[in-house]
Amino acid sequence: MTNIRSIAKMAGVSVSTVSRVLNEHPYVKEEKRKKVLEAIGKLNYIKNANAVHLSKGKTYSIGVVLPFLNLPYFGEILQGIAGEALKHGYHMQLFQTNYDKEAELDAFRRMQMKEVDGLILTSRSNSLDVITPFLENTNVVFCENVNGHPYKKVYIDHYQAIRKGVHYLHSKGHSRIGLCLHRTFGTNSEERIRGFHDGLESAGLYVRDEWIFNDCYHLEDGRNVVKEWKELTDKPTAIIVTSDQVSAGMVTEAGKRGISIPEEMAILSFDNHPIADALNITSFEVPIQKVGQESFKLFLENEDPYPVILHTKLFDRQTV
């Protein structure tokens, strides 16, 4: 096996010179650099990446913890992270959890074993109490508002976004407003629910538990929401939906059943994914890709940075 001693011998230079060339040290005479590179080419030498990582104390790998790969929301976050990682010479290692708590903890253990230099937590299933022991002297970025904690965090102001949604629907004459969301636990979901409750209370309206639809991720889930809505004796006239994919399922199912949108059921969606534009769904643009970009930038920060807070923008179309 070729090693740096073989290269040094062929090039007629010292081992330390070869090492400086391999590690891109600037202070090497050009003539010697060329000889070393020629020897590397002739000997077909491949640098041992693990040895370099050990010597530098870095893997140049960032772990990304996410529940699902097949949802546009998380795909957009990944796109944002990947773009920044490429600029800085990092590659990504993905940890898909399906919201399984043990699978999530496995990602933290791998970080402790130095398989990655840090983690970006796009969504979380374990409580902070459980993961706190993993956070000492590690580099973890949260894509949520972990309130009252000095952790690195970038998040969308989901609370204000939902409140704006309630206000917008109320201004359009709706007083019977429902909510359709991914899940009821987790910081981001809890902020959405809190914003929904506070928004209704501010408008003098009431929350109806039967008008809150949970576990909605995909097109098929949106179709099922319409079926449930159809069976209700007392129906909401408008529904805030936290995913354009789900909203698309609702629009297509409503069309099949002859339900008029927005006359019978208004839909106010979130994400402003291209599918919302294609189906003329009124949607709040959520800067998801920017969440990924900013989370990687925070990962690179050595000092404790201020949290990055991102906001939404309404695109008014034809479903409200």
C-alpha atoms as a PDB file:
ATOM      1  CA  MET A   1       0.000   0.000   0.000  1.00  0.00           C
ATOM      2  CA  THR A   2       1.282   3.427  -0.958  1.00  0.00           C
ATOM      3  CA  ASN A   3       2.074   5.701   1.974  1.00  0.00           C
ATOM      4  CA  ILE A   4       3.583   9.162   2.307  1.00  0.00           C
ATOM      5  CA  ARG A   5       7.084   7.693   2.730  1.00  0.00           C
ATOM      6  CA  SER A   6       6.810   6.124  -0.750  1.00  0.00           C
ATOM      7  CA  ILE A   7       5.695   9.472  -2.149  1.00  0.00           C
ATOM      8  CA  ALA A   8       8.552  11.295  -0.410  1.00  0.00           C
ATOM      9  CA  LYS A   9      11.095   8.838  -1.806  1.00  0.00           C
ATOM     10  CA  MET A  10       9.833   9.128  -5.397  1.00  0.00           C
ATOM     11  CA  ALA A  11       9.581  12.938  -5.224  1.00  0.00           C
ATOM     12  CA  GLY A  12      12.954  13.345  -3.530  1.00  0.00           C
ATOM     13  CA  VAL A  13      11.530  15.400  -0.663  1.00  0.00           C
ATOM     14  CA  SER A  14      10.980  14.943   3.056  1.00  0.00           C
ATOM     15  CA  VAL A  15       7.966  13.240   4.601  1.00  0.00           C
ATOM     16  CA  SER A  16       6.984  16.537   6.247  1.00  0.00           C
ATOM     17  CA  THR A  17       6.915  18.238   2.828  1.00  0.00           C
ATOM     18  CA  VAL A  18       4.573  15.543   1.506  1.00  0.00           C
ATOM     19  CA  SER A  19       2.363  16.004   4.569  1.00  0.00           C
ATOM     20  CA  ARG A  20       2.205  19.781   4.004  1.00  0.00           C
ATOM     21  CA  VAL A  21       1.205  19.278   0.349  1.00  0.00           C
ATOM     22  CA  LEU A  22      -1.499  16.736   1.272  1.00  0.00           C
ATOM     23  CA  ASN A  23      -2.925  19.123   3.860  1.00  0.00           C
ATOM     24  CA  GLU A  24      -2.783  22.077   1.441  1.00  0.00           C
ATOM     25  CA  HIS A  25      -0.250  23.980   3.537  1.00  0.00           C
ATOM     26  CA  PRO A  26       0.566  27.274   1.783  1.00  0.00           C
ATOM     27  CA  TYR A  27       4.272  27.386   2.656  1.00  0.00           C
ATOM     28  CA  VAL A  28       5.657  24.829   0.174  1.00  0.00           C
ATOM     29  CA  LYS A  29       7.852  25.788  -2.775  1.00  0.00           C
ATOM     30  CA  GLU A  30       5.995  25.357  -6.054  1.00  0.00           C
ATOM     31  CA  GLU A  31       8.725  23.141  -7.514  1.00  0.00           C
ATOM     32  CA  LYS A  32       8.482  20.695  -4.596  1.00  0.00           C
ATOM     33  CA  ARG A  33       4.668  20.806  -4.662  1.00  0.00           C
ATOM     34  CA  LYS A  34       4.688  19.766  -8.335  1.00  0.00           C
ATOM     35  CA  LYS A  35       7.079  16.869  -7.656  1.00  0.00           C
ATOM     36  CA  VAL A  36       4.890  15.608  -4.813  1.00  0.00           C
ATOM     37  CA  LEU A  37       1.700  15.856  -6.906  1.00  0.00           C
ATOM     38  CA  GLU A  38       3.377  13.996  -9.786  1.00  0.00           C
ATOM     39  CA  ALA A  39       4.447  11.220  -7.405  1.00  0.00           C
ATOM     40  CA  ILE A  40       0.918  11.037  -5.960  1.00  0.00           C
ATOM     41  CA  GLY A  41      -0.466  10.615  -9.474  1.00  0.00           C
ATOM     42  CA  LYS A  42       2.044   7.914 -10.465  1.00  0.00           C
ATOM     43  CA  LEU A  43       1.539   5.954  -7.241  1.00  0.00           C
ATOM     44  CA  ASN A  44      -2.266   6.365  -7.352  1.00  0.00           C
ATOM     45  CA  TYR A  45      -2.256   7.510  -3.721  1.00  0.00           C
ATOM     46  CA  ILE A  46      -5.582   8.015  -1.929  1.00  0.00           C
ATOM     47  CA  LYS A  47      -5.488  10.084   1.238  1.00  0.00           C
ATOM     48  CA  ASN A  48      -6.842   8.311   4.315  1.00  0.00           C
ATOM     49  CA  ALA A  49      -9.801  10.518   5.217  1.00  0.00           C
ATOM     50  CA  ASN A  50     -10.268   8.963   8.654  1.00  0.00           C
ATOM     51  CA  ALA A  51      -6.674   9.713   9.582  1.00  0.00           C
ATOM     52  CA  VAL A  52      -7.096  13.325   8.462  1.00  0.00           C
ATOM     53  CA  HIS A  53     -10.297  13.643  10.474  1.00  0.00           C
ATOM     54  CA  LEU A  54      -8.605  12.266  13.569  1.00  0.00           C
ATOM     55  CA  SER A  55      -5.677  14.645  13.198  1.00  0.00           C
ATOM     56  CA  LYS A  56      -7.941  17.663  12.727  1.00  0.00           C
ATOM     57  CA  GLY A  57     -10.584  16.597  15.259  1.00  0.00           C
ATOM     58  CA  LYS A  58     -13.307  17.014  12.632  1.00  0.00           C
ATOM     59  CA  THR A  59     -15.274  14.747  10.308  1.00  0.00           C
ATOM     60  CA  TYR A  60     -16.645  17.592   8.164  1.00  0.00           C
ATOM     61  CA  SER A  61     -19.959  15.774   8.404  1.00  0.00           C
ATOM     62  CA  ILE A  62     -23.189  17.251   9.773  1.00  0.00           C
ATOM     63  CA  GLY A  63     -25.962  15.003  11.077  1.00  0.00           C
ATOM     64  CA  VAL A  64     -29.534  15.970  10.188  1.00  0.00           C
ATOM     65  CA  VAL A  65     -32.306  14.474  12.314  1.00  0.00           C
ATOM     66  CA  LEU A  66     -35.708  14.427  10.631  1.00  0.00           C
ATOM     67  CA  PRO A  67     -38.868  12.333  11.005  1.00  0.00           C
ATOM     68  CA  PHE A  68     -39.641  11.742   7.312  1.00  0.00           C
ATOM     69  CA  LEU A  69     -37.875  12.078   3.972  1.00  0.00           C
ATOM     70  CA  ASN A  70     -40.991  12.055   1.778  1.00  0.00           C
ATOM     71  CA  LEU A  71     -42.621  15.279   2.993  1.00  0.00           C
ATOM     72  CA  PRO A  72     -41.901  18.509   1.072  1.00  0.00           C
ATOM     73  CA  TYR A  73     -41.475  20.449   4.322  1.00  0.00           C
ATOM     74  CA  PHE A  74     -38.449  18.416   5.395  1.00  0.00           C
ATOM     75  CA  GLY A  75     -37.186  18.135   1.821  1.00  0.00           C
ATOM     76  CA  GLU A  76     -37.005  21.931   1.657  1.00  0.00           C
ATOM     77  CA  ILE A  77     -35.100  22.119   4.946  1.00  0.00           C
ATOM     78  CA  LEU A  78     -32.638  19.527   3.624  1.00  0.00           C
ATOM     79  CA  GLN A  79     -32.181  21.526   0.425  1.00  0.00           C
ATOM     80  CA  GLY A  80     -31.278  24.592   2.470  1.00  0.00           C
ATOM     81  CA  ILE A  81     -28.804  22.679   4.635  1.00  0.00           C
ATOM     82  CA  ALA A  82     -27.255  20.886   1.653  1.00  0.00           C
ATOM     83  CA  GLY A  83     -26.567  24.121  -0.228  1.00  0.00           C
ATOM     84  CA  GLU A  84     -24.718  25.673   2.707  1.00  0.00           C
ATOM     85  CA  ALA A  85     -22.908  22.432   3.574  1.00  0.00           C
ATOM     86  CA  LEU A  86     -21.574  22.183   0.009  1.00  0.00           C
ATOM     87  CA  LYS A  87     -20.202  25.721   0.192  1.00  0.00           C
ATOM     88  CA  HIS A  88     -18.229  24.870   3.322  1.00  0.00           C
ATOM     89  CA  GLY A  89     -16.973  21.412   2.375  1.00  0.00           C
ATOM     90  CA  TYR A  90     -19.316  19.417   4.603  1.00  0.00           C
ATOM     91  CA  HIS A  91     -21.457  16.428   3.748  1.00  0.00           C
ATOM     92  CA  MET A  92     -24.699  15.371   5.425  1.00  0.00           C
ATOM     93  CA  GLN A  93     -25.545  12.219   7.323  1.00  0.00           C
ATOM     94  CA  LEU A  94     -29.320  11.730   7.623  1.00  0.00           C
ATOM     95  CA  PHE A  95     -31.049  10.193  10.620  1.00  0.00           C
ATOM     96  CA  GLN A  96     -34.689   9.412   9.792  1.00  0.00           C
ATOM     97  CA  THR A  97     -36.635   8.739  12.995  1.00  0.00           C
ATOM     98  CA  ASN A  98     -40.338   8.405  12.046  1.00  0.00           C
ATOM     99  CA  TYR A  99     -40.750  10.200  15.387  1.00  0.00           C
ATOM    100  CA  ASP A 100     -39.362   7.140  17.175  1.00  0.00           C
ATOM    101  CA  LYS A 101     -37.713   8.389  20.362  1.00  0.00           C
ATOM    102  CA  GLU A 102     -35.013   5.713  20.466  1.00  0.00           C
ATOM    103  CA  ALA A 103     -34.059   6.327  16.829  1.00  0.00           C
ATOM    104  CA  GLU A 104     -33.670  10.015  17.670  1.00  0.00           C
ATOM    105  CA  LEU A 105     -31.432   9.237  20.648  1.00  0.00           C
ATOM    106  CA  ASP A 106     -29.279   7.038  18.418  1.00  0.00           C
ATOM    107  CA  ALA A 107     -28.371  10.140  16.411  1.00  0.00           C
ATOM    108  CA  PHE A 108     -27.157  11.834  19.599  1.00  0.00           C
ATOM    109  CA  ARG A 109     -25.088   8.781  20.527  1.00  0.00           C
ATOM    110  CA  ARG A 110     -23.448   8.811  17.094  1.00  0.00           C
ATOM    111  CA  MET A 111     -22.576  12.459  17.617  1.00  0.00           C
ATOM    112  CA  GLN A 112     -20.990  11.548  20.960  1.00  0.00           C
ATOM    113  CA  MET A 113     -18.936   8.872  19.156  1.00  0.00           C
ATOM    114  CA  LYS A 114     -17.658  11.637  16.819  1.00  0.00           C
ATOM    115  CA  GLU A 115     -19.296  10.163  13.700  1.00  0.00           C
ATOM    116  CA  VAL A 116     -20.550  13.690  12.960  1.00  0.00           C
ATOM    117  CA  ASP A 117     -19.410  17.117  14.126  1.00  0.00           C
ATOM    118  CA  GLY A 118     -22.888  18.121  15.241  1.00  0.00           C
ATOM    119  CA  LEU A 119     -26.617  17.750  14.661  1.00  0.00           C
ATOM    120  CA  ILE A 120     -29.398  19.826  13.162  1.00  0.00           C
ATOM    121  CA  LEU A 121     -32.673  18.783  14.768  1.00  0.00           C
ATOM    122  CA  THR A 122     -35.422  19.569  12.242  1.00  0.00           C
ATOM    123  CA  SER A 123     -38.148  18.122  14.474  1.00  0.00           C
ATOM    124  CA  ARG A 124     -38.061  16.477  17.870  1.00  0.00           C
ATOM    125  CA  SER A 125     -39.926  13.690  19.686  1.00  0.00           C
ATOM    126  CA  ASN A 126     -37.918  13.401  22.955  1.00  0.00           C
ATOM    127  CA  SER A 127     -38.353  15.924  25.734  1.00  0.00           C
ATOM    128  CA  LEU A 128     -35.562  18.383  26.457  1.00  0.00           C
ATOM    129  CA  ASP A 129     -35.001  16.660  29.812  1.00  0.00           C
ATOM    130  CA  VAL A 130     -34.124  13.447  27.982  1.00  0.00           C
ATOM    131  CA  ILE A 131     -31.702  14.956  25.476  1.00  0.00           C
ATOM    132  CA  THR A 132     -30.068  17.556  27.762  1.00  0.00           C
ATOM    133  CA  PRO A 133     -27.312  15.100  28.879  1.00  0.00           C
ATOM    134  CA  PHE A 134     -26.248  14.857  25.218  1.00  0.00           C
ATOM    135  CA  LEU A 135     -25.941  18.623  24.754  1.00  0.00           C
ATOM    136  CA  GLU A 136     -22.923  19.422  26.915  1.00  0.00           C
ATOM    137  CA  ASN A 137     -19.881  20.354  24.800  1.00  0.00           C
ATOM    138  CA  THR A 138     -21.665  19.387  21.579  1.00  0.00           C
ATOM    139  CA  ASN A 139     -22.884  21.369  18.579  1.00  0.00           C
ATOM    140  CA  VAL A 140     -26.650  21.016  18.176  1.00  0.00           C
ATOM    141  CA  VAL A 141     -29.007  23.361  16.322  1.00  0.00           C
ATOM    142  CA  PHE A 142     -32.752  23.268  17.018  1.00  0.00           C
ATOM    143  CA  CYS A 143     -35.278  24.169  14.301  1.00  0.00           C
ATOM    144  CA  GLU A 144     -37.766  25.250  16.948  1.00  0.00           C
ATOM    145  CA  ASN A 145     -38.133  27.811  19.691  1.00  0.00           C
ATOM    146  CA  VAL A 146     -36.703  26.045  22.732  1.00  0.00           C
ATOM    147  CA  ASN A 147     -37.825  28.878  24.951  1.00  0.00           C
ATOM    148  CA  GLY A 148     -35.747  29.804  27.962  1.00  0.00           C
ATOM    149  CA  HIS A 149     -32.723  27.751  26.890  1.00  0.00           C
ATOM    150  CA  PRO A 150     -29.425  29.098  25.508  1.00  0.00           C
ATOM    151  CA  TYR A 151     -29.270  26.606  22.628  1.00  0.00           C
ATOM    152  CA  LYS A 152     -28.670  27.455  18.994  1.00  0.00           C
ATOM    153  CA  LYS A 153     -32.074  27.783  17.346  1.00  0.00           C
ATOM    154  CA  VAL A 154     -33.741  28.932  14.161  1.00  0.00           C
ATOM    155  CA  TYR A 155     -37.492  28.846  13.864  1.00  0.00           C
ATOM    156  CA  ILE A 156     -40.567  30.163  12.128  1.00  0.00           C
ATOM    157  CA  ASP A 157     -42.896  32.173  14.325  1.00  0.00           C
ATOM    158  CA  HIS A 158     -45.706  29.606  14.061  1.00  0.00           C
ATOM    159  CA  TYR A 159     -47.674  31.259  16.856  1.00  0.00           C
ATOM    160  CA  GLN A 160     -48.031  34.576  15.039  1.00  0.00           C
ATOM    161  CA  ALA A 161     -48.527  32.830  11.696  1.00  0.00           C
ATOM    162  CA  ILE A 162     -51.615  30.963  12.918  1.00  0.00           C
ATOM    163  CA  ARG A 163     -52.933  34.052  14.677  1.00  0.00           C
ATOM    164  CA  LYS A 164     -52.619  35.964  11.397  1.00  0.00           C
ATOM    165  CA  GLY A 165     -54.498  33.127   9.706  1.00  0.00           C
ATOM    166  CA  VAL A 166     -57.367  33.318  12.197  1.00  0.00           C
ATOM    167  CA  HIS A 167     -57.536  37.106  11.836  1.00  0.00           C
ATOM    168  CA  TYR A 168     -57.535  36.834   8.037  1.00  0.00           C
ATOM    169  CA  LEU A 169     -60.403  34.316   7.998  1.00  0.00           C
ATOM    170  CA  HIS A 170     -62.389  36.327  10.533  1.00  0.00           C
ATOM    171  CA  SER A 171     -61.941  39.449   8.391  1.00  0.00           C
ATOM    172  CA  LYS A 172     -63.482  37.455   5.524  1.00  0.00           C
ATOM    173  CA  GLY A 173     -66.588  36.809   7.598  1.00  0.00           C
ATOM    174  CA  HIS A 174     -65.765  33.385   9.070  1.00  0.00           C
ATOM    175  CA  SER A 175     -66.644  32.711  12.696  1.00  0.00           C
ATOM    176  CA  ARG A 176     -66.600  28.901  12.528  1.00  0.00           C
ATOM    177  CA  ILE A 177     -62.928  28.050  12.055  1.00  0.00           C
ATOM    178  CA  GLY A 178     -61.207  24.650  12.276  1.00  0.00           C
ATOM    179  CA  LEU A 179     -57.559  23.580  12.357  1.00  0.00           C
ATOM    180  CA  CYS A 180     -55.814  20.741  10.550  1.00  0.00           C
ATOM    181  CA  LEU A 181     -52.247  19.957  11.618  1.00  0.00           C
ATOM    182  CA  HIS A 182     -49.527  17.280  11.622  1.00  0.00           C
ATOM    183  CA  ARG A 183     -49.512  16.480  15.318  1.00  0.00           C
ATOM    184  CA  THR A 184     -50.506  17.928  18.684  1.00  0.00           C
ATOM    185  CA  PHE A 185     -47.118  17.452  20.418  1.00  0.00           C
ATOM    186  CA  GLY A 186     -43.763  19.102  19.757  1.00  0.00           C
ATOM    187  CA  THR A 187     -42.836  22.761  20.157  1.00  0.00           C
ATOM    188  CA  ASN A 188     -43.869  23.934  16.685  1.00  0.00           C
ATOM    189  CA  SER A 189     -47.244  22.169  16.847  1.00  0.00           C
ATOM    190  CA  GLU A 190     -47.885  23.446  20.365  1.00  0.00           C
ATOM    191  CA  GLU A 191     -47.116  26.992  19.194  1.00  0.00           C
ATOM    192  CA  ARG A 192     -49.598  26.606  16.325  1.00  0.00           C
ATOM    193  CA  ILE A 193     -52.317  25.342  18.677  1.00  0.00           C
ATOM    194  CA  ARG A 194     -51.623  28.160  21.149  1.00  0.00           C
ATOM    195  CA  GLY A 195     -51.828  30.706  18.337  1.00  0.00           C
ATOM    196  CA  PHE A 196     -55.104  29.165  17.173  1.00  0.00           C
ATOM    197  CA  HIS A 197     -56.670  29.334  20.641  1.00  0.00           C
ATOM    198  CA  ASP A 198     -55.440  32.876  21.296  1.00  0.00           C
ATOM    199  CA  GLY A 199     -56.510  34.032  17.829  1.00  0.00           C
ATOM    200  CA  LEU A 200     -60.038  32.718  18.303  1.00  0.00           C
ATOM    201  CA  GLU A 201     -60.280  34.169  21.797  1.00  0.00           C
ATOM    202  CA  SER A 202     -59.120  37.567  20.519  1.00  0.00           C
ATOM    203  CA  ALA A 203     -61.858  37.439  17.874  1.00  0.00           C
ATOM    204  CA  GLY A 204     -64.487  36.440  20.446  1.00  0.00           C
ATOM    205  CA  LEU A 205     -64.783  32.933  18.973  1.00  0.00           C
ATOM    206  CA  TYR A 206     -64.690  29.484  20.540  1.00  0.00           C
ATOM    207  CA  VAL A 207     -62.536  26.398  19.960  1.00  0.00           C
ATOM    208  CA  ARG A 208     -64.439  23.272  18.991  1.00  0.00           C
ATOM    209  CA  ASP A 209     -62.464  20.066  19.604  1.00  0.00           C
ATOM    210  CA  GLU A 210     -64.289  18.247  16.794  1.00  0.00           C
ATOM    211  CA  TRP A 211     -63.043  20.916  14.379  1.00  0.00           C
ATOM    212  CA  ILE A 212     -59.374  20.096  15.084  1.00  0.00           C
ATOM    213  CA  PHE A 213     -58.037  17.415  12.734  1.00  0.00           C
ATOM    214  CA  ASN A 214     -54.769  15.708  13.715  1.00  0.00           C
ATOM    215  CA  ASP A 215     -52.182  13.333  12.141  1.00  0.00           C
ATOM    216  CA  CYS A 216     -52.460  14.980   8.728  1.00  0.00           C
ATOM    217  CA  TYR A 217     -49.333  14.703   6.545  1.00  0.00           C
ATOM    218  CA  HIS A 218     -50.275  13.540   3.042  1.00  0.00           C
ATOM    219  CA  LEU A 219     -52.804  14.012   0.233  1.00  0.00           C
ATOM    220  CA  GLU A 220     -54.809  11.041   1.478  1.00  0.00           C
ATOM    221  CA  ASP A 221     -55.052  12.598   4.931  1.00  0.00           C
ATOM    222  CA  GLY A 222     -56.597  15.681   3.316  1.00  0.00           C
ATOM    223  CA  ARG A 223     -59.184  13.518   1.590  1.00  0.00           C
ATOM    224  CA  ASN A 224     -60.041  11.936   4.932  1.00  0.00           C
ATOM    225  CA  VAL A 225     -60.479  15.367   6.541  1.00  0.00           C
ATOM    226  CA  VAL A 226     -63.134  16.226   3.949  1.00  0.00           C
ATOM    227  CA  LYS A 227     -64.880  12.916   4.630  1.00  0.00           C
ATOM    228  CA  GLU A 228     -64.881  13.665   8.378  1.00  0.00           C
ATOM    229  CA  TRP A 229     -66.051  17.230   7.740  1.00  0.00           C
ATOM    230  CA  LYS A 230     -68.909  15.904   5.620  1.00  0.00           C
ATOM    231  CA  GLU A 231     -70.125  13.724   8.520  1.00  0.00           C
ATOM    232  CA  LEU A 232     -70.209  16.579  11.029  1.00  0.00           C
ATOM    233  CA  THR A 233     -73.650  17.891  11.916  1.00  0.00           C
ATOM    234  CA  ASP A 234     -72.182  21.247  12.873  1.00  0.00           C
ATOM    235  CA  LYS A 235     -69.417  22.140  10.406  1.00  0.00           C
ATOM    236  CA  PRO A 236     -66.660  24.772  10.327  1.00  0.00           C
ATOM    237  CA  THR A 237     -66.925  27.085   7.324  1.00  0.00           C
ATOM    238  CA  ALA A 238     -63.157  27.543   7.144  1.00  0.00           C
ATOM    239  CA  ILE A 239     -60.158  25.368   8.032  1.00  0.00           C
ATOM    240  CA  ILE A 240     -56.552  26.396   8.606  1.00  0.00           C
ATOM    241  CA  VAL A 241     -54.322  23.629   7.222  1.00  0.00           C
ATOM    242  CA  THR A 242     -50.620  23.486   8.100  1.00  0.00           C
ATOM    243  CA  SER A 243     -49.559  21.652   4.913  1.00  0.00           C
ATOM    244  CA  ASP A 244     -50.206  22.329   1.225  1.00  0.00           C
ATOM    245  CA  GLN A 245     -50.076  18.586   0.542  1.00  0.00           C
ATOM    246  CA  VAL A 246     -53.012  18.023   2.878  1.00  0.00           C
ATOM    247  CA  SER A 247     -54.827  21.045   1.442  1.00  0.00           C
ATOM    248  CA  ALA A 248     -54.391  19.621  -2.068  1.00  0.00           C
ATOM    249  CA  GLY A 249     -56.034  16.397  -0.925  1.00  0.00           C
ATOM    250  CA  MET A 250     -58.912  18.398   0.556  1.00  0.00           C
ATOM    251  CA  VAL A 251     -59.427  20.396  -2.649  1.00  0.00           C
ATOM    252  CA  THR A 252     -59.487  17.292  -4.869  1.00  0.00           C
ATOM    253  CA  GLU A 253     -61.833  15.380  -2.539  1.00  0.00           C
ATOM    254  CA  ALA A 254     -64.153  18.370  -2.223  1.00  0.00           C
ATOM    255  CA  GLY A 255     -64.333  18.536  -6.013  1.00  0.00           C
ATOM    256  CA  LYS A 256     -65.288  14.861  -6.213  1.00  0.00           C
ATOM    257  CA  ARG A 257     -68.040  15.323  -3.624  1.00  0.00           C
ATOM    258  CA  GLY A 258     -69.436  18.512  -5.110  1.00  0.00           C
ATOM    259  CA  ILE A 259     -68.422  20.637  -2.119  1.00  0.00           C
ATOM    260  CA  SER A 260     -67.971  24.239  -3.209  1.00  0.00           C
ATOM    261  CA  ILE A 261     -64.711  25.915  -2.201  1.00  0.00           C
ATOM    262  CA  PRO A 262     -64.634  28.531  -0.731  1.00  0.00           C
ATOM    263  CA  GLU A 263     -68.427  28.959  -0.480  1.00  0.00           C
ATOM    264  CA  GLU A 264     -69.048  25.875   1.677  1.00  0.00           C
ATOM    265  CA  MET A 265     -65.516  25.243   2.925  1.00  0.00           C
ATOM    266  CA  ALA A 266     -62.739  27.807   2.843  1.00  0.00           C
ATOM    267  CA  ILE A 267     -59.160  26.511   3.043  1.00  0.00           C
ATOM    268  CA  LEU A 268     -56.249  28.591   4.300  1.00  0.00           C
ATOM    269  CA  SER A 269     -53.024  26.641   3.876  1.00  0.00           C
ATOM    270  CA  PHE A 270     -49.351  26.911   4.839  1.00  0.00           C
ATOM    271  CA  ASP A 271     -46.020  26.422   2.991  1.00  0.00           C
ATOM    272  CA  ASN A 272     -46.864  27.982  -0.409  1.00  0.00           C
ATOM    273  CA  HIS A 273     -45.467  24.890  -2.102  1.00  0.00           C
ATOM    274  CA  PRO A 274     -45.784  24.863  -5.945  1.00  0.00           C
ATOM    275  CA  ILE A 275     -48.831  22.608  -5.562  1.00  0.00           C
ATOM    276  CA  ALA A 276     -50.640  25.493  -3.829  1.00  0.00           C
ATOM    277  CA  ASP A 277     -50.006  27.729  -6.824  1.00  0.00           C
ATOM    278  CA  ALA A 278     -51.067  24.982  -9.253  1.00  0.00           C
ATOM    279  CA  LEU A 279     -54.382  24.407  -7.438  1.00  0.00           C
ATOM    280  CA  ASN A 280     -54.987  28.098  -6.582  1.00  0.00           C
ATOM    281  CA  ILE A 281     -54.853  27.414  -2.844  1.00  0.00           C
ATOM    282  CA  THR A 282     -54.587  30.466  -0.595  1.00  0.00           C
ATOM    283  CA  SER A 283     -51.420  29.829   1.378  1.00  0.00           C
ATOM    284  CA  PHE A 284     -48.927  31.458   3.715  1.00  0.00           C
ATOM    285  CA  GLU A 285     -45.407  31.194   2.341  1.00  0.00           C
ATOM    286  CA  VAL A 286     -43.216  29.607   4.997  1.00  0.00           C
ATOM    287  CA  PRO A 287     -39.448  30.164   4.441  1.00  0.00           C
ATOM    288  CA  ILE A 288     -38.638  26.490   4.987  1.00  0.00           C
ATOM    289  CA  GLN A 289     -35.501  26.366   2.856  1.00  0.00           C
ATOM    290  CA  LYS A 290     -34.158  29.381   4.736  1.00  0.00           C
ATOM    291  CA  VAL A 291     -34.621  27.425   7.979  1.00  0.00           C
ATOM    292  CA  GLY A 292     -32.130  24.911   6.599  1.00  0.00           C
ATOM    293  CA  GLN A 293     -29.711  27.588   5.415  1.00  0.00           C
ATOM    294  CA  GLU A 294     -29.754  29.469   8.711  1.00  0.00           C
ATOM    295  CA  SER A 295     -29.489  26.293  10.788  1.00  0.00           C
ATOM    296  CA  PHE A 296     -26.240  25.347   9.052  1.00  0.00           C
ATOM    297  CA  LYS A 297     -24.882  28.875   9.524  1.00  0.00           C
ATOM    298  CA  LEU A 298     -25.657  28.582  13.236  1.00  0.00           C
ATOM    299  CA  PHE A 299     -23.867  25.231  13.306  1.00  0.00           C
ATOM    300  CA  LEU A 300     -20.702  26.985  12.078  1.00  0.00           C
ATOM    301  CA  GLU A 301     -20.947  29.645  14.818  1.00  0.00           C
ATOM    302  CA  ASN A 302     -18.603  28.991  17.752  1.00  0.00           C
ATOM    303  CA  GLU A 303     -20.081  31.570  20.091  1.00  0.00           C
ATOM    304  CA  ASP A 304     -23.635  31.385  21.425  1.00  0.00           C
ATOM    305  CA  PRO A 305     -25.541  33.290  18.714  1.00  0.00           C
ATOM    306  CA  TYR A 306     -28.875  35.021  18.894  1.00  0.00           C
ATOM    307  CA  PRO A 307     -31.846  32.924  17.718  1.00  0.00           C
ATOM    308  CA  VAL A 308     -32.927  33.368  14.102  1.00  0.00           C
ATOM    309  CA  ILE A 309     -36.665  34.032  13.803  1.00  0.00           C
ATOM    310  CA  LEU A 310     -38.364  33.789  10.390  1.00  0.00           C
ATOM    311  CA  HIS A 311     -41.815  34.995   9.333  1.00  0.00           C
ATOM    312  CA  THR A 312     -44.552  34.095   6.846  1.00  0.00           C
ATOM    313  CA  LYS A 313     -46.174  35.900   3.907  1.00  0.00           C
ATOM    314  CA  LEU A 314     -49.731  35.424   2.597  1.00  0.00           C
ATOM    315  CA  PHE A 315     -50.473  34.527  -1.034  1.00  0.00           C
ATOM    316  CA  ASP A 316     -54.167  35.181  -1.576  1.00  0.00           C
ATOM    317  CA  ARG A 317     -55.688  32.866  -4.209  1.00  0.00           C
ATOM    318  CA  GLN A 318     -59.094  31.209  -4.618  1.00  0.00           C
ATOM    319  CA  THR A 319     -59.775  28.946  -1.616  1.00  0.00           C
ATOM    320  CA  VAL A 320     -60.817  31.706   0.817  1.00  0.00           C
END
